[in-house]
N, C-alpha and C. Protein backbone atom coordinates (compact mmCIF):
# COMPACT_ATOMS: atom_id res chain seq x y z
N UNK A 1 -33.14 -18.70 5.40
CA UNK A 1 -34.15 -18.14 4.55
C UNK A 1 -33.93 -16.54 4.85
N UNK A 2 -33.83 -16.20 6.42
CA UNK A 2 -33.63 -14.89 6.82
C UNK A 2 -32.55 -14.10 6.58
N UNK A 3 -31.26 -15.05 6.56
CA UNK A 3 -29.91 -14.77 6.14
C UNK A 3 -30.17 -14.21 4.95
N UNK A 4 -30.45 -14.78 3.94
CA UNK A 4 -30.82 -14.56 2.30
C UNK A 4 -31.40 -13.55 2.40
N UNK A 5 -32.47 -13.10 3.09
CA UNK A 5 -33.23 -12.12 2.82
C UNK A 5 -32.53 -10.84 3.35
N UNK A 6 -31.66 -11.09 4.16
CA UNK A 6 -30.70 -9.54 4.95
C UNK A 6 -29.90 -9.30 3.57
N UNK A 7 -29.16 -10.44 3.11
CA UNK A 7 -28.41 -10.19 2.09
C UNK A 7 -29.02 -9.83 0.79
N UNK A 8 -29.72 -9.66 0.55
CA UNK A 8 -30.70 -9.37 -0.82
C UNK A 8 -30.84 -7.95 -0.44
N UNK A 9 -31.11 -7.26 0.89
CA UNK A 9 -31.54 -6.01 1.24
C UNK A 9 -29.99 -4.87 1.04
N UNK A 10 -30.43 -3.94 0.28
CA UNK A 10 -29.12 -3.12 0.20
C UNK A 10 -28.58 -2.90 1.24
N UNK A 11 -29.15 -2.20 2.20
CA UNK A 11 -28.90 -1.71 3.58
C UNK A 11 -27.77 -2.38 4.04
N UNK A 12 -28.24 -3.99 4.09
CA UNK A 12 -27.43 -4.97 5.13
C UNK A 12 -26.36 -5.48 3.98
N UNK A 13 -26.38 -5.23 2.98
CA UNK A 13 -25.48 -6.07 2.20
C UNK A 13 -24.23 -4.97 2.12
N UNK A 14 -24.53 -3.70 2.35
CA UNK A 14 -23.28 -2.78 2.28
C UNK A 14 -22.71 -3.05 3.55
N UNK A 15 -23.27 -3.34 4.64
CA UNK A 15 -22.49 -3.88 5.77
C UNK A 15 -21.95 -4.96 5.93
N UNK A 16 -22.18 -5.77 4.82
CA UNK A 16 -21.83 -7.12 4.86
C UNK A 16 -20.16 -7.32 4.97
N UNK A 17 -19.52 -6.75 3.81
CA UNK A 17 -18.35 -6.66 3.79
C UNK A 17 -17.18 -6.20 5.19
N UNK A 18 -17.78 -4.89 5.96
CA UNK A 18 -17.14 -4.48 6.98
C UNK A 18 -17.10 -5.58 8.12
N UNK A 19 -17.99 -6.26 8.44
CA UNK A 19 -18.54 -6.98 9.22
C UNK A 19 -17.72 -8.14 9.22
N UNK A 20 -17.49 -8.78 8.11
CA UNK A 20 -16.66 -10.05 7.71
C UNK A 20 -14.98 -9.54 7.80
N UNK A 21 -14.74 -8.42 7.28
CA UNK A 21 -13.30 -7.85 7.40
C UNK A 21 -13.02 -7.72 8.93
N UNK A 22 -13.94 -7.49 9.75
CA UNK A 22 -13.81 -6.97 11.24
C UNK A 22 -13.67 -8.61 11.75
N UNK A 23 -14.23 -9.47 11.70
CA UNK A 23 -14.17 -10.85 12.18
C UNK A 23 -12.63 -11.77 11.70
N UNK A 24 -12.50 -11.26 10.24
CA UNK A 24 -11.08 -11.74 9.65
C UNK A 24 -10.16 -11.00 10.67
N UNK A 25 -10.41 -9.85 10.56
CA UNK A 25 -9.37 -8.93 11.47
C UNK A 25 -9.03 -9.34 12.66
N UNK A 26 -9.83 -9.82 13.24
CA UNK A 26 -10.24 -10.23 14.90
C UNK A 26 -9.16 -11.89 14.94
N UNK A 27 -9.55 -12.54 13.87
CA UNK A 27 -8.98 -13.80 14.04
C UNK A 27 -7.53 -13.54 13.76
N UNK A 28 -6.99 -12.94 12.65
CA UNK A 28 -5.72 -12.41 12.52
C UNK A 28 -5.06 -12.19 13.77
N UNK A 29 -5.78 -10.68 14.52
CA UNK A 29 -4.91 -10.58 15.60
C UNK A 29 -4.91 -11.26 16.76
N UNK A 30 -5.77 -12.18 17.05
CA UNK A 30 -5.85 -13.40 17.70
C UNK A 30 -4.66 -14.45 17.95
N UNK A 31 -4.13 -14.58 16.55
CA UNK A 31 -3.00 -15.07 16.33
C UNK A 31 -1.63 -14.43 16.08
N UNK A 32 -1.95 -12.83 16.25
CA UNK A 32 -0.35 -12.40 16.03
C UNK A 32 -0.94 -10.97 17.40
N UNK A 33 -1.14 -11.03 18.21
CA UNK A 33 -1.09 -10.58 19.42
C UNK A 33 -0.37 -9.07 19.51
N UNK A 34 0.96 -9.69 19.58
CA UNK A 34 1.83 -8.85 19.60
C UNK A 34 2.20 -7.87 18.45
N UNK A 35 1.42 -7.94 17.67
CA UNK A 35 1.51 -6.78 16.53
C UNK A 35 0.23 -5.78 16.71
N UNK A 36 -1.17 -6.66 17.14
CA UNK A 36 -2.21 -5.89 17.33
C UNK A 36 -2.43 -4.88 18.49
N UNK A 37 -1.54 -5.50 19.74
CA UNK A 37 -1.72 -4.66 21.22
C UNK A 37 -0.24 -4.03 21.19
N UNK A 38 0.83 -4.44 20.65
CA UNK A 38 1.85 -4.08 21.19
C UNK A 38 2.47 -3.22 20.29
N UNK A 39 2.46 -2.66 18.96
CA UNK A 39 2.90 -1.88 18.24
C UNK A 39 1.81 -0.99 17.35
N UNK A 40 1.62 -0.19 17.68
CA UNK A 40 0.97 1.17 17.10
C UNK A 40 0.90 1.35 15.58
N UNK A 41 2.14 1.03 15.18
CA UNK A 41 2.59 1.18 13.77
C UNK A 41 2.04 0.11 12.93
N UNK A 42 1.63 -1.35 13.75
CA UNK A 42 1.46 -2.36 12.94
C UNK A 42 -0.13 -1.69 11.75
N UNK A 43 0.13 -2.82 10.90
CA UNK A 43 -1.39 -2.43 10.08
C UNK A 43 -2.74 -3.34 10.61
N UNK A 44 -2.50 -4.09 11.44
CA UNK A 44 -3.40 -4.75 12.22
C UNK A 44 -4.13 -3.58 13.06
N UNK A 45 -2.93 -3.08 13.75
CA UNK A 45 -3.47 -2.09 15.04
C UNK A 45 -3.73 -1.18 13.98
N UNK A 46 -3.35 -0.51 12.93
CA UNK A 46 -4.01 0.82 12.51
C UNK A 46 -5.54 0.48 11.68
N UNK A 47 -5.57 -0.63 11.14
CA UNK A 47 -6.91 -0.91 10.52
C UNK A 47 -7.95 -1.04 11.68
N UNK A 48 -7.47 -1.87 12.72
CA UNK A 48 -8.54 -1.99 13.61
C UNK A 48 -9.20 -0.70 14.55
N UNK A 49 -8.16 0.25 14.62
CA UNK A 49 -8.33 1.55 15.15
C UNK A 49 -9.23 2.49 14.01
N UNK A 50 -8.65 2.08 13.03
CA UNK A 50 -9.71 3.02 11.70
C UNK A 50 -10.76 2.34 11.86
N UNK A 51 -11.13 1.34 11.87
CA UNK A 51 -12.60 0.65 11.83
C UNK A 51 -13.20 1.07 12.87
N UNK A 52 -12.83 1.18 13.73
CA UNK A 52 -13.61 1.95 15.06
C UNK A 52 -14.17 3.40 14.99
N UNK A 53 -13.32 4.03 13.99
CA UNK A 53 -13.39 5.36 13.78
C UNK A 53 -14.46 5.34 12.49
N UNK A 54 -15.01 4.27 11.95
CA UNK A 54 -15.51 4.56 10.54
C UNK A 54 -14.65 4.52 9.45
N UNK A 55 -13.77 4.44 9.53
CA UNK A 55 -12.34 4.36 8.15
C UNK A 55 -12.47 3.09 8.09
N UNK A 56 -12.99 2.49 6.77
CA UNK A 56 -13.06 1.27 5.81
C UNK A 56 -12.27 1.19 4.88
N UNK A 57 -12.02 2.83 4.26
CA UNK A 57 -11.83 2.37 2.95
C UNK A 57 -10.19 2.94 2.69
N UNK A 58 -9.91 3.30 1.32
CA UNK A 58 -8.57 4.05 0.85
C UNK A 58 -8.61 5.55 0.82
N UNK A 59 -9.74 5.77 1.81
CA UNK A 59 -9.72 7.60 1.81
C UNK A 59 -10.43 7.97 0.68
N UNK A 60 -10.62 9.53 0.96
CA UNK A 60 -11.40 10.33 -0.12
C UNK A 60 -10.97 11.77 0.48
N UNK A 61 -11.27 12.61 -0.85
CA UNK A 61 -10.56 14.08 -0.71
C UNK A 61 -10.78 14.50 -2.32
N UNK A 62 -10.15 15.96 -2.19
CA UNK A 62 -10.10 16.85 -3.53
C UNK A 62 -8.71 16.52 -4.11
N UNK A 63 -8.95 16.32 -5.38
CA UNK A 63 -7.84 16.37 -6.26
C UNK A 63 -6.84 17.54 -6.10
N UNK A 64 -5.75 17.52 -5.82
CA UNK A 64 -4.59 18.50 -5.42
C UNK A 64 -4.34 19.26 -6.94
N UNK A 65 -4.16 20.63 -6.85
CA UNK A 65 -3.69 21.17 -7.85
C UNK A 65 -2.15 21.68 -7.74
N UNK A 66 -1.49 21.37 -6.74
CA UNK A 66 -0.01 21.50 -6.70
C UNK A 66 0.76 21.20 -7.58
N UNK A 67 1.68 21.93 -8.21
CA UNK A 67 2.71 21.68 -9.13
C UNK A 67 3.87 21.05 -8.49
N UNK A 68 4.25 19.90 -8.91
CA UNK A 68 5.17 18.85 -8.02
C UNK A 68 6.02 18.48 -9.44
N UNK A 69 7.47 18.73 -9.17
CA UNK A 69 8.29 18.05 -10.22
C UNK A 69 8.99 16.86 -10.16
N UNK A 70 8.71 15.82 -10.89
CA UNK A 70 8.96 14.63 -10.50
C UNK A 70 10.52 14.45 -11.53
N UNK A 71 11.12 15.15 -11.81
CA UNK A 71 12.04 15.38 -12.41
C UNK A 71 13.13 14.55 -11.85
N UNK A 72 13.75 14.72 -10.74
CA UNK A 72 14.74 14.22 -10.07
C UNK A 72 14.73 12.55 -9.82
N UNK A 73 13.49 12.07 -10.12
CA UNK A 73 13.47 10.59 -10.00
C UNK A 73 14.20 9.71 -10.82
N UNK A 74 14.23 8.47 -10.13
CA UNK A 74 15.31 7.48 -10.48
C UNK A 74 14.86 6.43 -10.63
N UNK A 75 14.93 5.50 -11.59
CA UNK A 75 14.16 3.80 -11.30
C UNK A 75 14.85 3.43 -10.19
N UNK A 76 13.53 2.90 -9.31
CA UNK A 76 14.08 2.17 -7.95
C UNK A 76 13.43 3.14 -6.98
N UNK A 77 12.89 4.21 -7.28
CA UNK A 77 12.37 5.03 -6.13
C UNK A 77 11.03 4.99 -6.11
N UNK A 78 10.54 5.02 -5.21
CA UNK A 78 9.34 4.93 -4.50
C UNK A 78 8.34 6.24 -4.45
N UNK A 79 7.47 6.01 -4.80
CA UNK A 79 6.12 7.05 -4.91
C UNK A 79 4.89 6.88 -4.07
N UNK A 80 4.40 7.28 -2.87
CA UNK A 80 3.40 7.15 -2.29
C UNK A 80 2.40 8.27 -2.51
N UNK A 81 0.94 7.99 -2.44
CA UNK A 81 0.20 8.72 -2.70
C UNK A 81 -1.15 8.71 -1.62
N UNK A 82 -1.73 9.62 -0.97
CA UNK A 82 -2.83 9.03 -0.19
C UNK A 82 -4.15 10.17 -0.22
N UNK A 83 -5.18 10.07 0.59
CA UNK A 83 -6.19 10.67 1.11
C UNK A 83 -6.41 10.62 2.45
N UNK A 84 -7.07 11.62 2.99
CA UNK A 84 -7.93 11.95 4.13
C UNK A 84 -8.50 10.45 4.58
N UNK A 85 -8.56 9.92 5.75
CA UNK A 85 -9.45 8.99 6.47
C UNK A 85 -9.37 7.78 5.60
N UNK A 86 -8.13 7.38 5.15
CA UNK A 86 -7.68 6.08 4.57
C UNK A 86 -7.57 5.04 5.78
N UNK A 87 -7.93 3.67 5.70
CA UNK A 87 -8.09 3.08 6.91
C UNK A 87 -6.94 2.33 7.35
N UNK A 88 -5.65 2.26 6.55
CA UNK A 88 -4.53 2.00 6.72
C UNK A 88 -3.51 2.74 6.58
N UNK A 89 -3.57 4.26 7.12
CA UNK A 89 -2.54 5.09 6.99
C UNK A 89 -2.48 6.32 6.64
N UNK A 90 -1.66 6.90 6.64
CA UNK A 90 -1.61 8.17 5.83
C UNK A 90 -1.69 8.22 4.17
N UNK A 91 -0.62 6.92 3.68
CA UNK A 91 -0.74 6.87 2.19
C UNK A 91 -1.68 5.58 1.89
N UNK A 92 -2.41 6.03 1.18
CA UNK A 92 -3.23 4.67 0.47
C UNK A 92 -2.80 3.80 -0.90
N UNK A 93 -1.70 4.21 -1.73
CA UNK A 93 -1.28 3.78 -2.86
C UNK A 93 0.52 3.91 -2.61
N UNK A 94 0.80 3.10 -3.29
CA UNK A 94 2.50 3.04 -3.79
C UNK A 94 2.68 2.48 -5.19
N UNK A 95 3.86 3.21 -5.84
CA UNK A 95 4.39 2.42 -7.10
C UNK A 95 5.85 2.40 -6.89
N UNK A 96 6.67 2.06 -7.80
CA UNK A 96 7.82 1.91 -7.79
C UNK A 96 8.04 2.31 -9.26
N UNK A 97 8.88 3.49 -9.43
CA UNK A 97 9.34 4.41 -10.53
C UNK A 97 10.08 3.61 -11.22
N UNK A 98 9.84 3.42 -12.72
CA UNK A 98 10.52 2.59 -13.43
C UNK A 98 11.19 3.22 -14.52
N UNK A 99 10.87 4.61 -14.65
CA UNK A 99 11.84 5.32 -15.81
C UNK A 99 10.58 6.04 -16.71
N UNK A 100 11.02 6.69 -17.56
CA UNK A 100 10.04 7.28 -18.64
C UNK A 100 8.44 7.77 -18.07
N UNK A 101 8.66 8.23 -17.08
CA UNK A 101 7.49 8.75 -16.10
C UNK A 101 6.82 7.76 -16.23
N UNK A 102 6.84 6.41 -15.92
CA UNK A 102 5.94 5.42 -15.54
C UNK A 102 6.44 4.88 -14.02
N UNK A 103 5.51 4.40 -13.54
CA UNK A 103 5.36 3.40 -12.02
C UNK A 103 4.87 2.08 -12.34
N UNK A 104 5.46 1.30 -11.74
CA UNK A 104 4.95 -0.17 -11.69
C UNK A 104 3.88 -0.04 -10.71
N UNK A 105 2.72 -0.33 -10.52
CA UNK A 105 1.85 -0.43 -9.49
C UNK A 105 0.86 -1.67 -9.56
N UNK A 106 -0.21 -1.51 -8.54
CA UNK A 106 -0.90 -2.54 -8.58
C UNK A 106 -2.47 -1.88 -8.37
N UNK A 107 -3.68 -2.45 -8.91
CA UNK A 107 -4.74 -1.86 -8.83
C UNK A 107 -5.97 -3.27 -9.06
N UNK A 108 -6.74 -3.09 -8.20
CA UNK A 108 -7.86 -4.16 -8.61
C UNK A 108 -8.28 -4.59 -9.88
N UNK A 109 -8.59 -3.36 -10.80
CA UNK A 109 -9.00 -3.53 -12.15
C UNK A 109 -7.98 -4.37 -13.09
N UNK A 110 -7.00 -4.06 -12.84
CA UNK A 110 -5.95 -4.41 -13.91
C UNK A 110 -4.54 -5.31 -13.57
N UNK A 111 -4.57 -5.50 -11.72
CA UNK A 111 -3.36 -5.93 -11.39
C UNK A 111 -2.13 -5.19 -11.68
N UNK A 112 -0.99 -6.01 -11.33
CA UNK A 112 0.31 -5.48 -11.28
C UNK A 112 0.54 -4.71 -12.84
N UNK A 113 0.77 -3.63 -13.22
CA UNK A 113 0.85 -3.20 -14.33
C UNK A 113 1.70 -1.60 -14.27
N UNK A 114 2.26 -1.18 -15.46
CA UNK A 114 3.02 0.17 -15.31
C UNK A 114 1.76 1.39 -15.85
N UNK A 115 1.90 2.04 -15.20
CA UNK A 115 1.06 3.56 -15.43
C UNK A 115 1.88 4.59 -15.57
N UNK A 116 0.96 5.91 -15.96
CA UNK A 116 1.79 7.27 -15.89
C UNK A 116 1.52 7.31 -14.46
N UNK A 117 3.21 8.05 -13.93
CA UNK A 117 3.39 8.96 -13.02
C UNK A 117 2.61 10.15 -12.56
N UNK A 118 1.95 10.46 -13.65
CA UNK A 118 1.45 12.19 -13.59
C UNK A 118 0.37 11.61 -12.46
N UNK A 119 -0.68 10.52 -12.37
CA UNK A 119 -1.73 10.80 -11.58
C UNK A 119 -1.67 10.81 -10.03
N UNK A 120 -0.15 10.70 -9.64
CA UNK A 120 -0.15 10.85 -8.10
C UNK A 120 0.06 12.60 -7.91
N UNK A 121 0.04 13.35 -9.05
CA UNK A 121 -0.19 14.67 -8.58
C UNK A 121 -1.61 15.15 -7.72
N UNK A 122 -2.36 14.00 -8.34
CA UNK A 122 -3.85 14.38 -7.70
C UNK A 122 -3.90 14.07 -6.07
N UNK A 123 -3.17 13.51 -5.80
CA UNK A 123 -3.31 13.12 -4.31
C UNK A 123 -2.82 14.32 -3.42
N UNK A 124 -3.68 14.12 -2.09
CA UNK A 124 -3.46 15.49 -1.15
C UNK A 124 -2.28 15.05 -0.39
N UNK A 125 -1.85 13.91 -0.35
CA UNK A 125 -0.68 13.48 0.28
C UNK A 125 0.20 12.73 -0.45
N UNK A 126 1.42 13.11 -0.96
CA UNK A 126 2.35 12.83 -1.64
C UNK A 126 3.64 12.63 -1.08
N UNK A 127 4.34 11.52 -1.44
CA UNK A 127 5.62 11.51 -0.92
C UNK A 127 6.85 10.67 -1.65
N UNK A 128 7.88 11.04 -1.92
CA UNK A 128 8.84 10.72 -2.56
C UNK A 128 10.11 10.00 -2.38
N UNK A 129 10.08 8.69 -2.17
CA UNK A 129 11.34 7.99 -1.49
C UNK A 129 12.46 7.61 -2.42
N UNK A 130 13.56 7.57 -1.97
CA UNK A 130 14.92 6.72 -2.56
C UNK A 130 15.58 5.82 -1.46
N UNK A 131 15.36 4.41 -2.13
CA UNK A 131 15.94 3.45 -1.38
C UNK A 131 17.40 3.79 -1.49
N UNK A 132 18.10 3.56 0.05
CA UNK A 132 19.68 3.62 -0.15
C UNK A 132 20.37 2.29 -0.49
N UNK A 133 20.52 2.36 -1.84
CA UNK A 133 21.29 0.98 -2.38
C UNK A 133 22.07 1.39 -3.61
N UNK A 134 22.64 0.64 -3.98
CA UNK A 134 23.57 0.58 -5.48
C UNK A 134 22.79 0.74 -6.69
N UNK A 135 22.92 1.31 -7.47
CA UNK A 135 22.34 1.46 -9.10
C UNK A 135 22.05 -0.18 -9.22
N UNK A 136 23.18 -0.77 -8.98
CA UNK A 136 22.83 -2.28 -9.29
C UNK A 136 21.58 -2.98 -8.66
N UNK A 137 21.37 -2.79 -7.53
CA UNK A 137 20.55 -3.38 -6.60
C UNK A 137 19.26 -2.80 -6.97
N UNK A 138 19.05 -1.31 -7.40
CA UNK A 138 17.74 -0.89 -7.80
C UNK A 138 17.26 -1.13 -9.16
N UNK A 139 18.26 -1.03 -10.18
CA UNK A 139 17.70 -1.98 -11.08
C UNK A 139 17.32 -3.26 -11.49
N UNK A 140 17.83 -3.94 -10.22
CA UNK A 140 17.18 -5.50 -9.93
C UNK A 140 15.95 -5.50 -9.35
N UNK A 141 15.51 -4.58 -8.67
CA UNK A 141 14.56 -4.27 -8.05
C UNK A 141 13.36 -3.83 -9.25
N UNK A 142 13.83 -2.98 -10.10
CA UNK A 142 12.53 -2.74 -11.02
C UNK A 142 12.45 -3.74 -11.90
N UNK A 143 13.43 -4.59 -12.26
CA UNK A 143 13.33 -6.13 -13.36
C UNK A 143 12.76 -6.54 -12.51
N UNK A 144 12.43 -6.96 -11.25
CA UNK A 144 11.81 -7.93 -10.50
C UNK A 144 10.28 -7.53 -10.71
N UNK A 145 10.08 -5.89 -10.41
CA UNK A 145 8.90 -5.67 -10.49
C UNK A 145 7.87 -5.72 -11.68
N UNK A 146 8.86 -5.27 -12.77
CA UNK A 146 8.47 -5.19 -14.18
C UNK A 146 7.99 -6.89 -14.79
N UNK A 147 8.82 -7.81 -14.09
CA UNK A 147 8.53 -9.22 -14.56
C UNK A 147 7.32 -9.80 -14.06
N UNK A 148 6.53 -9.11 -13.01
CA UNK A 148 5.56 -9.40 -12.54
C UNK A 148 4.36 -8.87 -12.87
N UNK A 149 4.51 -8.12 -14.14
CA UNK A 149 3.23 -7.00 -14.73
C UNK A 149 2.11 -8.19 -15.21
N UNK A 150 0.98 -8.09 -14.85
CA UNK A 150 -0.19 -8.83 -15.11
C UNK A 150 -0.46 -9.56 -13.98
N UNK A 151 -0.02 -9.87 -12.92
CA UNK A 151 -0.27 -10.86 -11.60
C UNK A 151 -1.27 -10.36 -10.84
N UNK A 152 -2.13 -11.15 -10.71
CA UNK A 152 -3.24 -10.83 -9.52
C UNK A 152 -3.19 -9.94 -8.45
N UNK A 153 -3.85 -8.82 -8.41
CA UNK A 153 -3.92 -7.60 -7.27
C UNK A 153 -4.95 -8.38 -6.28
N UNK A 154 -4.53 -8.26 -5.23
CA UNK A 154 -5.56 -8.40 -3.78
C UNK A 154 -5.20 -7.51 -2.82
N UNK A 155 -6.11 -6.73 -2.31
CA UNK A 155 -6.09 -5.66 -1.49
C UNK A 155 -5.04 -6.31 0.03
N UNK A 156 -5.68 -7.11 0.55
CA UNK A 156 -4.68 -7.80 1.80
C UNK A 156 -3.99 -8.78 1.45
N UNK A 157 -3.17 -8.45 0.50
CA UNK A 157 -1.97 -9.54 0.28
C UNK A 157 -0.92 -9.75 1.35
N UNK A 158 -0.88 -10.81 2.04
CA UNK A 158 0.33 -11.38 2.82
C UNK A 158 1.61 -11.43 2.43
N UNK A 159 2.50 -10.98 3.03
CA UNK A 159 3.81 -10.72 2.41
C UNK A 159 4.30 -12.50 1.76
N UNK A 160 3.89 -13.41 2.39
CA UNK A 160 4.25 -14.71 2.02
C UNK A 160 3.84 -14.89 0.63
N UNK A 161 4.35 -15.65 -0.11
CA UNK A 161 3.76 -16.03 -1.57
C UNK A 161 4.30 -15.20 -2.44
N UNK A 162 3.85 -15.93 -3.85
CA UNK A 162 3.91 -14.65 -5.12
C UNK A 162 2.75 -14.98 -6.11
N UNK A 163 1.69 -15.36 -5.31
CA UNK A 163 0.39 -15.34 -6.35
C UNK A 163 -0.64 -14.32 -6.15
N UNK A 164 -0.58 -13.80 -5.23
CA UNK A 164 -1.22 -12.42 -4.86
C UNK A 164 -0.41 -11.46 -4.32
N UNK A 165 -0.94 -9.99 -5.44
CA UNK A 165 -0.01 -8.84 -4.92
C UNK A 165 -1.15 -7.58 -4.62
N UNK A 166 -0.51 -6.65 -3.71
CA UNK A 166 -0.95 -5.62 -3.78
C UNK A 166 0.21 -4.19 -4.15
N UNK A 167 -0.23 -3.25 -4.25
CA UNK A 167 0.73 -1.95 -4.52
C UNK A 167 1.89 -2.33 -3.66
N UNK A 168 1.93 -2.16 -2.44
CA UNK A 168 3.40 -2.13 -1.47
C UNK A 168 3.89 -3.73 -1.73
N UNK A 169 3.16 -4.85 -1.27
CA UNK A 169 3.79 -5.78 -1.48
C UNK A 169 4.97 -6.39 -2.59
N UNK A 170 4.25 -5.56 -3.90
CA UNK A 170 5.46 -5.85 -4.92
C UNK A 170 6.75 -5.15 -4.72
N UNK A 171 6.68 -4.20 -4.15
CA UNK A 171 7.63 -2.90 -3.87
C UNK A 171 8.66 -3.40 -2.91
N UNK A 172 8.12 -4.37 -1.83
CA UNK A 172 8.48 -4.66 -0.63
C UNK A 172 9.29 -5.83 -1.03
N UNK A 173 8.78 -6.96 -2.17
CA UNK A 173 9.33 -8.08 -2.18
C UNK A 173 10.14 -7.75 -3.41
N UNK A 174 10.19 -6.84 -4.31
CA UNK A 174 11.31 -6.42 -5.13
C UNK A 174 12.56 -6.04 -4.58
N UNK A 175 12.74 -5.59 -3.38
CA UNK A 175 13.86 -5.25 -2.98
C UNK A 175 14.21 -6.11 -1.72
N UNK A 176 13.47 -6.86 -1.39
CA UNK A 176 13.75 -7.97 -0.22
C UNK A 176 14.46 -9.00 -0.94
N UNK A 177 14.03 -9.34 -1.96
CA UNK A 177 14.95 -10.44 -2.48
C UNK A 177 16.19 -9.97 -3.12
N UNK A 178 16.54 -8.85 -2.89
CA UNK A 178 18.13 -8.06 -3.30
C UNK A 178 18.59 -7.83 -1.99
N UNK A 179 17.97 -8.59 -0.74
CA UNK A 179 18.76 -8.19 0.48
C UNK A 179 18.17 -7.00 1.17
N UNK A 180 16.95 -6.39 1.00
CA UNK A 180 16.91 -4.87 1.67
C UNK A 180 15.19 -5.19 1.95
N UNK A 181 15.24 -5.25 3.22
CA UNK A 181 13.60 -5.16 3.90
C UNK A 181 13.22 -3.90 3.95
N UNK A 182 12.42 -3.69 3.63
CA UNK A 182 12.08 -1.96 3.75
C UNK A 182 10.85 -2.11 5.06
N UNK A 183 10.47 -3.30 5.78
CA UNK A 183 9.48 -3.49 6.72
C UNK A 183 10.25 -3.49 7.98
N UNK A 184 10.49 -2.41 8.79
CA UNK A 184 11.14 -2.66 10.22
C UNK A 184 10.43 -3.38 11.35
N UNK A 185 8.86 -3.46 11.16
CA UNK A 185 8.46 -4.15 11.91
C UNK A 185 8.28 -5.43 11.82
N UNK A 186 8.83 -6.09 10.60
CA UNK A 186 7.95 -7.44 10.19
C UNK A 186 6.89 -7.92 10.28
N UNK A 187 6.00 -6.96 9.61
CA UNK A 187 4.16 -7.08 9.83
C UNK A 187 3.60 -8.22 8.81
N UNK A 188 2.75 -8.88 8.97
CA UNK A 188 2.19 -9.48 8.42
C UNK A 188 1.85 -9.31 6.89
N UNK A 189 1.54 -7.93 6.76
CA UNK A 189 1.38 -7.37 5.12
C UNK A 189 1.82 -6.21 5.50
N UNK A 190 2.32 -5.11 4.26
CA UNK A 190 2.99 -4.18 4.36
C UNK A 190 2.20 -3.06 4.07
N UNK A 191 1.90 -2.10 4.72
CA UNK A 191 0.85 -0.95 4.18
C UNK A 191 2.02 0.21 3.33
N UNK A 192 1.96 1.14 2.33
CA UNK A 192 2.53 1.95 1.89
C UNK A 192 3.21 3.03 2.78
N UNK A 193 2.49 3.35 4.11
CA UNK A 193 3.11 4.08 4.79
C UNK A 193 4.64 3.68 5.64
N UNK A 194 4.61 2.14 5.57
CA UNK A 194 5.70 1.55 6.00
C UNK A 194 7.00 1.94 5.51
N UNK A 195 6.66 2.27 4.25
CA UNK A 195 8.05 2.75 3.37
C UNK A 195 8.80 4.10 3.93
N UNK A 196 8.27 5.19 4.25
CA UNK A 196 8.35 6.14 4.91
C UNK A 196 8.88 6.02 6.07
N UNK A 197 8.63 5.11 6.96
CA UNK A 197 9.10 4.73 8.21
C UNK A 197 10.87 3.83 8.00
N UNK A 198 10.96 3.45 6.95
CA UNK A 198 12.09 2.66 7.13
C UNK A 198 13.31 3.36 6.86
N UNK A 199 14.39 2.72 7.68
CA UNK A 199 15.55 3.34 7.76
C UNK A 199 16.19 3.29 6.62
N UNK A 200 16.10 2.49 5.56
CA UNK A 200 16.77 2.48 4.31
C UNK A 200 16.17 3.43 3.41
N UNK A 201 15.53 4.42 3.43
CA UNK A 201 15.26 5.11 2.63
C UNK A 201 15.08 6.47 3.11
N UNK A 202 15.30 7.37 2.09
CA UNK A 202 15.63 8.79 2.56
C UNK A 202 14.45 9.65 1.67
N UNK A 203 13.46 10.67 2.36
CA UNK A 203 12.41 11.46 1.94
C UNK A 203 13.13 12.01 0.78
N UNK A 204 12.64 12.52 -0.67
CA UNK A 204 13.52 13.24 -1.32
C UNK A 204 11.88 14.43 -1.51
N UNK A 205 11.03 14.40 -1.02
CA UNK A 205 9.78 15.39 -1.22
C UNK A 205 8.52 14.57 -0.44
N UNK A 206 7.79 15.59 0.27
CA UNK A 206 6.62 15.13 0.96
C UNK A 206 5.72 16.52 0.72
N UNK A 207 4.18 16.20 0.62
CA UNK A 207 3.71 17.17 1.01
C UNK A 207 2.30 16.63 1.49
N UNK A 208 1.30 17.30 2.36
CA UNK A 208 0.43 17.17 2.94
C UNK A 208 0.76 17.19 4.73
N UNK A 209 -0.04 16.10 5.43
CA UNK A 209 -0.06 16.54 6.86
C UNK A 209 1.16 15.49 7.31
C-alpha cells in the first residue's frame, strides 16, 4: 500500500522513470562492462555520465534563427539536430533525407514517418552528413527506410531486430543492410552523434558547439 501511495504522489511519480531507467542502465552495463567503462563514446557511458549531471532527456533550448540552406542535400544524406543538455550526446535527433525537402525520421507520437526537413532549422545544434557510398547504395538505403514507415518507435531501441525503431536505428540499419556499418564501436544501440564520428561519412555543414 505504501508503494502505491508513493506512485500516486506526483513528486515521487516524476522520479519513477529516472530511477527505473538507472536500474535498467546498471543491469545493461554489468553485461557490457567494456562499453560502460572502457569507451567514453559509448551510449551507456554517455547516458550514465549525463544522469549523474541531472540530464535525462533530449535537451532543451531556444529555437535558432540561423539561415541554413539545404539546397545541396541528396537522398541518403543524414541530418542531425540537437539541444544543449541532451542525455545521449550533442545531437538528440536524426533523419535520413529522402528528397523533396523530406526526411524519414522517428517520433514517439507517430513512429517512423516522412516529415518536413525545415524543422531542423530550429535546432541549436545542426549537422549535415554525406555517406561515402555509391548512388545505388544510397538509393537502396532510402528505399529501405521508406519501406518501414509506420513502424513502432521506441526511444531505447536496440540494434537487433526490426520490431522497434528509433530515429537513429532506422538510418543505421538502412545502410547496414547495404554493407555499410555507421557504428564504429559496435554499441548496443546507436545515438545520433555516432553518425558524425563514422569514417564512412563526411560533414557537409555544422553549427553549434
